[in-house]
């Protein structure tokens, strides 16, 4: 089954920009029925992405620890520590 990118973001509990980042970095493949149609992803691919990249943190970990682990796992820059 194929779903839209916004639906994929909701399915995984991520923002749409994170889904776009996964696509741009090659972690997630998109499919199009025609060259001009909206991109879709397979639910099986989403499940495989989460299974292969599952982030494990201790129960009750604080948000900073969870965010740092997710950034490390997905190769994202941790911008939460940036000084304004």
PDB file of N, CA and C in Angstrom:
ATOM      1  N   UNK A   1       0.849  -1.176   0.000  1.00  0.00           N
ATOM      2  CA  UNK A   1       0.000   0.000   0.000  1.00  0.00           C
ATOM      3  C   UNK A   1       0.893   1.237   0.000  1.00  0.00           C
ATOM      4  N   UNK A   2       0.510   2.233  -0.761  1.00  0.00           N
ATOM      5  CA  UNK A   2       1.240   3.481  -0.873  1.00  0.00           C
ATOM      6  C   UNK A   2       0.465   4.594  -0.173  1.00  0.00           C
ATOM      7  N   UNK A   3       1.210   5.492   0.508  1.00  0.00           N
ATOM      8  CA  UNK A   3       0.577   6.634   1.162  1.00  0.00           C
ATOM      9  C   UNK A   3       1.373   7.893   0.835  1.00  0.00           C
ATOM     10  N   UNK A   4       0.733   9.040   1.015  1.00  0.00           N
ATOM     11  CA  UNK A   4       1.380  10.323   0.742  1.00  0.00           C
ATOM     12  C   UNK A   4       2.444  10.615   1.796  1.00  0.00           C
ATOM     13  N   UNK A   5       3.298  11.585   1.495  1.00  0.00           N
ATOM     14  CA  UNK A   5       4.340  11.962   2.460  1.00  0.00           C
ATOM     15  C   UNK A   5       3.747  12.553   3.744  1.00  0.00           C
ATOM     16  N   UNK A   6       2.711  13.415   3.664  1.00  0.00           N
ATOM     17  CA  UNK A   6       2.103  13.881   4.916  1.00  0.00           C
ATOM     18  C   UNK A   6       1.508  12.733   5.747  1.00  0.00           C
ATOM     19  N   UNK A   7       0.904  11.760   5.064  1.00  0.00           N
ATOM     20  CA  UNK A   7       0.359  10.609   5.785  1.00  0.00           C
ATOM     21  C   UNK A   7       1.485   9.775   6.395  1.00  0.00           C
ATOM     22  N   UNK A   8       2.615   9.683   5.702  1.00  0.00           N
ATOM     23  CA  UNK A   8       3.773   8.956   6.236  1.00  0.00           C
ATOM     24  C   UNK A   8       4.301   9.637   7.492  1.00  0.00           C
ATOM     25  N   UNK A   9       4.339  10.973   7.478  1.00  0.00           N
ATOM     26  CA  UNK A   9       4.789  11.716   8.660  1.00  0.00           C
ATOM     27  C   UNK A   9       3.871  11.433   9.846  1.00  0.00           C
ATOM     28  N   UNK A  10       2.575  11.433   9.594  1.00  0.00           N
ATOM     29  CA  UNK A  10       1.617  11.154  10.662  1.00  0.00           C
ATOM     30  C   UNK A  10       1.747   9.703  11.133  1.00  0.00           C
ATOM     31  N   UNK A  11       1.936   8.785  10.211  1.00  0.00           N
ATOM     32  CA  UNK A  11       2.072   7.361  10.522  1.00  0.00           C
ATOM     33  C   UNK A  11       3.257   7.112  11.459  1.00  0.00           C
ATOM     34  N   UNK A  12       4.385   7.807  11.178  1.00  0.00           N
ATOM     35  CA  UNK A  12       5.594   7.614  11.983  1.00  0.00           C
ATOM     36  C   UNK A  12       5.669   8.532  13.190  1.00  0.00           C
ATOM     37  N   UNK A  13       4.866   9.586  13.195  1.00  0.00           N
ATOM     38  CA  UNK A  13       4.943  10.549  14.288  1.00  0.00           C
ATOM     39  C   UNK A  13       6.084  11.534  14.124  1.00  0.00           C
ATOM     40  N   UNK A  14       6.490  11.778  12.865  1.00  0.00           N
ATOM     41  CA  UNK A  14       7.553  12.736  12.559  1.00  0.00           C
ATOM     42  C   UNK A  14       6.970  13.926  11.818  1.00  0.00           C
ATOM     43  N   UNK A  15       7.748  14.973  11.711  1.00  0.00           N
ATOM     44  CA  UNK A  15       7.307  16.126  10.930  1.00  0.00           C
ATOM     45  C   UNK A  15       7.478  15.814   9.446  1.00  0.00           C
ATOM     46  N   UNK A  16       6.760  16.557   8.624  1.00  0.00           N
ATOM     47  CA  UNK A  16       6.866  16.379   7.176  1.00  0.00           C
ATOM     48  C   UNK A  16       8.280  16.706   6.701  1.00  0.00           C
ATOM     49  N   UNK A  17       8.918  17.691   7.322  1.00  0.00           N
ATOM     50  CA  UNK A  17      10.284  18.041   6.912  1.00  0.00           C
ATOM     51  C   UNK A  17      11.261  16.899   7.195  1.00  0.00           C
ATOM     52  N   UNK A  18      11.032  16.135   8.244  1.00  0.00           N
ATOM     53  CA  UNK A  18      11.877  14.972   8.528  1.00  0.00           C
ATOM     54  C   UNK A  18      11.681  13.903   7.465  1.00  0.00           C
ATOM     55  N   UNK A  19      10.439  13.682   7.032  1.00  0.00           N
ATOM     56  CA  UNK A  19      10.174  12.718   5.963  1.00  0.00           C
ATOM     57  C   UNK A  19      10.877  13.161   4.685  1.00  0.00           C
ATOM     58  N   UNK A  20      10.799  14.445   4.357  1.00  0.00           N
ATOM     59  CA  UNK A  20      11.498  14.958   3.177  1.00  0.00           C
ATOM     60  C   UNK A  20      13.012  14.762   3.309  1.00  0.00           C
ATOM     61  N   UNK A  21      13.530  14.945   4.500  1.00  0.00           N
ATOM     62  CA  UNK A  21      14.965  14.740   4.729  1.00  0.00           C
ATOM     63  C   UNK A  21      15.329  13.267   4.516  1.00  0.00           C
ATOM     64  N   UNK A  22      14.495  12.345   5.010  1.00  0.00           N
ATOM     65  CA  UNK A  22      14.738  10.918   4.787  1.00  0.00           C
ATOM     66  C   UNK A  22      14.766  10.608   3.297  1.00  0.00           C
ATOM     67  N   UNK A  23      13.866  11.209   2.540  1.00  0.00           N
ATOM     68  CA  UNK A  23      13.815  10.993   1.085  1.00  0.00           C
ATOM     69  C   UNK A  23      15.067  11.573   0.428  1.00  0.00           C
ATOM     70  N   UNK A  24      15.401  12.818   0.763  1.00  0.00           N
ATOM     71  CA  UNK A  24      16.558  13.488   0.146  1.00  0.00           C
ATOM     72  C   UNK A  24      17.871  12.796   0.459  1.00  0.00           C
ATOM     73  N   UNK A  25      17.975  12.203   1.636  1.00  0.00           N
ATOM     74  CA  UNK A  25      19.213  11.521   2.020  1.00  0.00           C
ATOM     75  C   UNK A  25      19.235  10.059   1.577  1.00  0.00           C
ATOM     76  N   UNK A  26      18.163   9.597   0.932  1.00  0.00           N
ATOM     77  CA  UNK A  26      18.135   8.237   0.407  1.00  0.00           C
ATOM     78  C   UNK A  26      17.722   7.166   1.398  1.00  0.00           C
ATOM     79  N   UNK A  27      17.209   7.568   2.551  1.00  0.00           N
ATOM     80  CA  UNK A  27      16.760   6.594   3.546  1.00  0.00           C
ATOM     81  C   UNK A  27      15.380   6.039   3.218  1.00  0.00           C
ATOM     82  N   UNK A  28      14.648   6.753   2.368  1.00  0.00           N
ATOM     83  CA  UNK A  28      13.280   6.393   2.047  1.00  0.00           C
ATOM     84  C   UNK A  28      13.056   6.629   0.561  1.00  0.00           C
ATOM     85  N   UNK A  29      12.520   5.632  -0.129  1.00  0.00           N
ATOM     86  CA  UNK A  29      12.279   5.727  -1.560  1.00  0.00           C
ATOM     87  C   UNK A  29      10.855   6.181  -1.824  1.00  0.00           C
ATOM     88  N   UNK A  30      10.696   7.083  -2.797  1.00  0.00           N
ATOM     89  CA  UNK A  30       9.361   7.534  -3.185  1.00  0.00           C
ATOM     90  C   UNK A  30       8.995   6.926  -4.535  1.00  0.00           C
ATOM     91  N   UNK A  31       7.711   6.796  -4.744  1.00  0.00           N
ATOM     92  CA  UNK A  31       7.157   6.232  -5.977  1.00  0.00           C
ATOM     93  C   UNK A  31       6.144   7.224  -6.534  1.00  0.00           C
ATOM     94  N   UNK A  32       6.044   7.282  -7.860  1.00  0.00           N
ATOM     95  CA  UNK A  32       5.073   8.148  -8.524  1.00  0.00           C
ATOM     96  C   UNK A  32       4.354   7.340  -9.596  1.00  0.00           C
ATOM     97  N   UNK A  33       3.040   7.505  -9.677  1.00  0.00           N
ATOM     98  CA  UNK A  33       2.260   6.819 -10.705  1.00  0.00           C
ATOM     99  C   UNK A  33       2.580   7.401 -12.081  1.00  0.00           C
ATOM    100  N   UNK A  34       2.773   8.711 -12.130  1.00  0.00           N
ATOM    101  CA  UNK A  34       3.179   9.406 -13.351  1.00  0.00           C
ATOM    102  C   UNK A  34       4.240  10.415 -12.948  1.00  0.00           C
ATOM    103  N   UNK A  35       5.003  10.931 -13.902  1.00  0.00           N
ATOM    104  CA  UNK A  35       6.047  11.908 -13.537  1.00  0.00           C
ATOM    105  C   UNK A  35       5.515  13.157 -12.831  1.00  0.00           C
ATOM    106  N   UNK A  36       4.261  13.520 -13.065  1.00  0.00           N
ATOM    107  CA  UNK A  36       3.702  14.730 -12.455  1.00  0.00           C
ATOM    108  C   UNK A  36       2.873  14.449 -11.189  1.00  0.00           C
ATOM    109  N   UNK A  37       2.719  13.201 -10.810  1.00  0.00           N
ATOM    110  CA  UNK A  37       1.897  12.882  -9.637  1.00  0.00           C
ATOM    111  C   UNK A  37       2.661  13.138  -8.340  1.00  0.00           C
ATOM    112  N   UNK A  38       1.914  13.233  -7.265  1.00  0.00           N
ATOM    113  CA  UNK A  38       2.523  13.450  -5.957  1.00  0.00           C
ATOM    114  C   UNK A  38       3.301  12.209  -5.533  1.00  0.00           C
ATOM    115  N   UNK A  39       4.417  12.395  -4.818  1.00  0.00           N
ATOM    116  CA  UNK A  39       5.192  11.229  -4.378  1.00  0.00           C
ATOM    117  C   UNK A  39       4.445  10.429  -3.318  1.00  0.00           C
ATOM    118  N   UNK A  40       4.666   9.145  -3.338  1.00  0.00           N
ATOM    119  CA  UNK A  40       4.078   8.218  -2.372  1.00  0.00           C
ATOM    120  C   UNK A  40       5.185   7.339  -1.824  1.00  0.00           C
ATOM    121  N   UNK A  41       4.966   6.774  -0.667  1.00  0.00           N
ATOM    122  CA  UNK A  41       5.905   5.813  -0.079  1.00  0.00           C
ATOM    123  C   UNK A  41       5.138   4.560   0.300  1.00  0.00           C
ATOM    124  N   UNK A  42       5.849   3.449   0.343  1.00  0.00           N
ATOM    125  CA  UNK A  42       5.239   2.195   0.757  1.00  0.00           C
ATOM    126  C   UNK A  42       5.234   2.116   2.284  1.00  0.00           C
ATOM    127  N   UNK A  43       4.135   1.645   2.833  1.00  0.00           N
ATOM    128  CA  UNK A  43       4.067   1.455   4.281  1.00  0.00           C
ATOM    129  C   UNK A  43       5.113   0.438   4.724  1.00  0.00           C
ATOM    130  N   UNK A  44       5.349  -0.576   3.908  1.00  0.00           N
ATOM    131  CA  UNK A  44       6.374  -1.576   4.239  1.00  0.00           C
ATOM    132  C   UNK A  44       7.748  -0.931   4.347  1.00  0.00           C
ATOM    133  N   UNK A  45       8.028   0.068   3.481  1.00  0.00           N
ATOM    134  CA  UNK A  45       9.309   0.779   3.552  1.00  0.00           C
ATOM    135  C   UNK A  45       9.411   1.591   4.837  1.00  0.00           C
ATOM    136  N   UNK A  46       8.296   2.183   5.268  1.00  0.00           N
ATOM    137  CA  UNK A  46       8.296   2.947   6.521  1.00  0.00           C
ATOM    138  C   UNK A  46       8.557   2.028   7.710  1.00  0.00           C
ATOM    139  N   UNK A  47       7.892   0.875   7.693  1.00  0.00           N
ATOM    140  CA  UNK A  47       8.099  -0.086   8.781  1.00  0.00           C
ATOM    141  C   UNK A  47       9.542  -0.585   8.807  1.00  0.00           C
ATOM    142  N   UNK A  48      10.113  -0.836   7.623  1.00  0.00           N
ATOM    143  CA  UNK A  48      11.503  -1.294   7.549  1.00  0.00           C
ATOM    144  C   UNK A  48      12.461  -0.205   8.025  1.00  0.00           C
ATOM    145  N   UNK A  49      12.175   1.044   7.676  1.00  0.00           N
ATOM    146  CA  UNK A  49      13.009   2.160   8.118  1.00  0.00           C
ATOM    147  C   UNK A  49      13.044   2.233   9.635  1.00  0.00           C
ATOM    148  N   UNK A  50      11.897   2.108  10.265  1.00  0.00           N
ATOM    149  CA  UNK A  50      11.842   2.173  11.725  1.00  0.00           C
ATOM    150  C   UNK A  50      12.470   0.946  12.367  1.00  0.00           C
ATOM    151  N   UNK A  51      12.280  -0.213  11.764  1.00  0.00           N
ATOM    152  CA  UNK A  51      12.863  -1.440  12.312  1.00  0.00           C
ATOM    153  C   UNK A  51      14.395  -1.387  12.196  1.00  0.00           C
ATOM    154  N   UNK A  52      14.905  -0.941  11.047  1.00  0.00           N
ATOM    155  CA  UNK A  52      16.344  -0.895  10.815  1.00  0.00           C
ATOM    156  C   UNK A  52      17.028   0.224  11.584  1.00  0.00           C
ATOM    157  N   UNK A  53      16.294   1.287  11.868  1.00  0.00           N
ATOM    158  CA  UNK A  53      16.882   2.460  12.517  1.00  0.00           C
ATOM    159  C   UNK A  53      16.298   2.706  13.891  1.00  0.00           C
ATOM    160  N   UNK A  54      15.780   1.662  14.514  1.00  0.00           N
ATOM    161  CA  UNK A  54      15.131   1.828  15.812  1.00  0.00           C
ATOM    162  C   UNK A  54      16.113   2.408  16.825  1.00  0.00           C
ATOM    163  N   UNK A  55      15.699   3.473  17.448  1.00  0.00           N
ATOM    164  CA  UNK A  55      16.512   4.134  18.458  1.00  0.00           C
ATOM    165  C   UNK A  55      16.121   3.620  19.832  1.00  0.00           C
ATOM    166  N   UNK A  56      17.103   3.133  20.572  1.00  0.00           N
ATOM    167  CA  UNK A  56      16.824   2.592  21.895  1.00  0.00           C
ATOM    168  C   UNK A  56      17.413   3.518  22.950  1.00  0.00           C
ATOM    169  N   UNK A  57      16.559   3.976  23.831  1.00  0.00           N
ATOM    170  CA  UNK A  57      17.004   4.775  24.973  1.00  0.00           C
ATOM    171  C   UNK A  57      16.351   4.185  26.211  1.00  0.00           C
ATOM    172  N   UNK A  58      16.920   4.481  27.333  1.00  0.00           N
ATOM    173  CA  UNK A  58      16.400   3.953  28.594  1.00  0.00           C
ATOM    174  C   UNK A  58      15.005   4.506  28.872  1.00  0.00           C
ATOM    175  N   UNK A  59      14.128   3.680  29.426  1.00  0.00           N
ATOM    176  CA  UNK A  59      12.797   4.175  29.796  1.00  0.00           C
ATOM    177  C   UNK A  59      12.922   5.357  30.750  1.00  0.00           C
ATOM    178  N   UNK A  60      12.130   6.373  30.528  1.00  0.00           N
ATOM    179  CA  UNK A  60      12.151   7.560  31.370  1.00  0.00           C
ATOM    180  C   UNK A  60      13.261   8.540  31.032  1.00  0.00           C
ATOM    181  N   UNK A  61      13.944   8.316  29.901  1.00  0.00           N
ATOM    182  CA  UNK A  61      15.024   9.225  29.504  1.00  0.00           C
ATOM    183  C   UNK A  61      14.448  10.607  29.222  1.00  0.00           C
ATOM    184  N   UNK A  62      15.253  11.629  29.484  1.00  0.00           N
ATOM    185  CA  UNK A  62      14.774  12.985  29.242  1.00  0.00           C
ATOM    186  C   UNK A  62      14.768  13.270  27.733  1.00  0.00           C
ATOM    187  N   UNK A  63      14.064  14.305  27.351  1.00  0.00           N
ATOM    188  CA  UNK A  63      13.878  14.637  25.944  1.00  0.00           C
ATOM    189  C   UNK A  63      15.197  14.912  25.230  1.00  0.00           C
ATOM    190  N   UNK A  64      16.153  15.553  25.893  1.00  0.00           N
ATOM    191  CA  UNK A  64      17.454  15.830  25.267  1.00  0.00           C
ATOM    192  C   UNK A  64      18.180  14.532  24.909  1.00  0.00           C
ATOM    193  N   UNK A  65      18.114  13.527  25.768  1.00  0.00           N
ATOM    194  CA  UNK A  65      18.757  12.239  25.514  1.00  0.00           C
ATOM    195  C   UNK A  65      18.090  11.534  24.343  1.00  0.00           C
ATOM    196  N   UNK A  66      16.765  11.554  24.309  1.00  0.00           N
ATOM    197  CA  UNK A  66      16.034  10.925  23.212  1.00  0.00           C
ATOM    198  C   UNK A  66      16.358  11.618  21.895  1.00  0.00           C
ATOM    199  N   UNK A  67      16.356  12.943  21.892  1.00  0.00           N
ATOM    200  CA  UNK A  67      16.637  13.700  20.676  1.00  0.00           C
ATOM    201  C   UNK A  67      18.067  13.439  20.195  1.00  0.00           C
ATOM    202  N   UNK A  68      19.029  13.431  21.090  1.00  0.00           N
ATOM    203  CA  UNK A  68      20.425  13.181  20.709  1.00  0.00           C
ATOM    204  C   UNK A  68      20.583  11.790  20.112  1.00  0.00           C
ATOM    205  N   UNK A  69      19.905  10.786  20.682  1.00  0.00           N
ATOM    206  CA  UNK A  69      19.978   9.421  20.159  1.00  0.00           C
ATOM    207  C   UNK A  69      19.352   9.336  18.772  1.00  0.00           C
ATOM    208  N   UNK A  70      18.220   9.991  18.583  1.00  0.00           N
ATOM    209  CA  UNK A  70      17.557   9.982  17.275  1.00  0.00           C
ATOM    210  C   UNK A  70      18.426  10.682  16.232  1.00  0.00           C
ATOM    211  N   UNK A  71      19.023  11.810  16.589  1.00  0.00           N
ATOM    212  CA  UNK A  71      19.894  12.525  15.650  1.00  0.00           C
ATOM    213  C   UNK A  71      21.095  11.667  15.265  1.00  0.00           C
ATOM    214  N   UNK A  72      21.686  11.011  16.226  1.00  0.00           N
ATOM    215  CA  UNK A  72      22.838  10.152  15.946  1.00  0.00           C
ATOM    216  C   UNK A  72      22.432   8.987  15.052  1.00  0.00           C
ATOM    217  N   UNK A  73      21.286   8.393  15.313  1.00  0.00           N
ATOM    218  CA  UNK A  73      20.834   7.228  14.555  1.00  0.00           C
ATOM    219  C   UNK A  73      20.523   7.572  13.109  1.00  0.00           C
ATOM    220  N   UNK A  74      19.917   8.741  12.878  1.00  0.00           N
ATOM    221  CA  UNK A  74      19.517   9.123  11.536  1.00  0.00           C
ATOM    222  C   UNK A  74      20.515  10.058  10.864  1.00  0.00           C
ATOM    223  N   UNK A  75      21.625  10.348  11.514  1.00  0.00           N
ATOM    224  CA  UNK A  75      22.648  11.195  10.913  1.00  0.00           C
ATOM    225  C   UNK A  75      22.233  12.651  10.784  1.00  0.00           C
ATOM    226  N   UNK A  76      21.397  13.120  11.700  1.00  0.00           N
ATOM    227  CA  UNK A  76      20.927  14.499  11.659  1.00  0.00           C
ATOM    228  C   UNK A  76      21.762  15.363  12.590  1.00  0.00           C
ATOM    229  N   UNK A  77      21.822  16.656  12.287  1.00  0.00           N
ATOM    230  CA  UNK A  77      22.525  17.581  13.166  1.00  0.00           C
ATOM    231  C   UNK A  77      21.632  17.902  14.348  1.00  0.00           C
ATOM    232  N   UNK A  78      22.192  17.834  15.535  1.00  0.00           N
ATOM    233  CA  UNK A  78      21.437  18.176  16.739  1.00  0.00           C
ATOM    234  C   UNK A  78      21.490  19.683  16.907  1.00  0.00           C
ATOM    235  N   UNK A  79      20.447  20.365  16.472  1.00  0.00           N
ATOM    236  CA  UNK A  79      20.400  21.822  16.532  1.00  0.00           C
ATOM    237  C   UNK A  79      19.813  22.325  17.842  1.00  0.00           C
ATOM    238  N   UNK A  80      19.461  21.417  18.747  1.00  0.00           N
ATOM    239  CA  UNK A  80      18.833  21.834  19.997  1.00  0.00           C
ATOM    240  C   UNK A  80      19.807  22.555  20.918  1.00  0.00           C
ATOM    241  N   UNK A  81      21.100  22.383  20.722  1.00  0.00           N
ATOM    242  CA  UNK A  81      22.113  22.988  21.603  1.00  0.00           C
ATOM    243  C   UNK A  81      22.656  24.300  21.034  1.00  0.00           C
ATOM    244  N   UNK A  82      22.118  24.745  19.893  1.00  0.00           N
ATOM    245  CA  UNK A  82      22.637  25.941  19.223  1.00  0.00           C
ATOM    246  C   UNK A  82      22.383  27.187  20.053  1.00  0.00           C
ATOM    247  N   UNK A  83      23.374  28.026  20.144  1.00  0.00           N
ATOM    248  CA  UNK A  83      23.256  29.280  20.893  1.00  0.00           C
ATOM    249  C   UNK A  83      22.734  30.348  19.943  1.00  0.00           C
ATOM    250  N   UNK A  84      21.746  31.126  20.380  1.00  0.00           N
ATOM    251  CA  UNK A  84      21.131  32.141  19.518  1.00  0.00           C
ATOM    252  C   UNK A  84      21.839  33.448  19.678  1.00  0.00           C
TER     253      UNK A  84
END
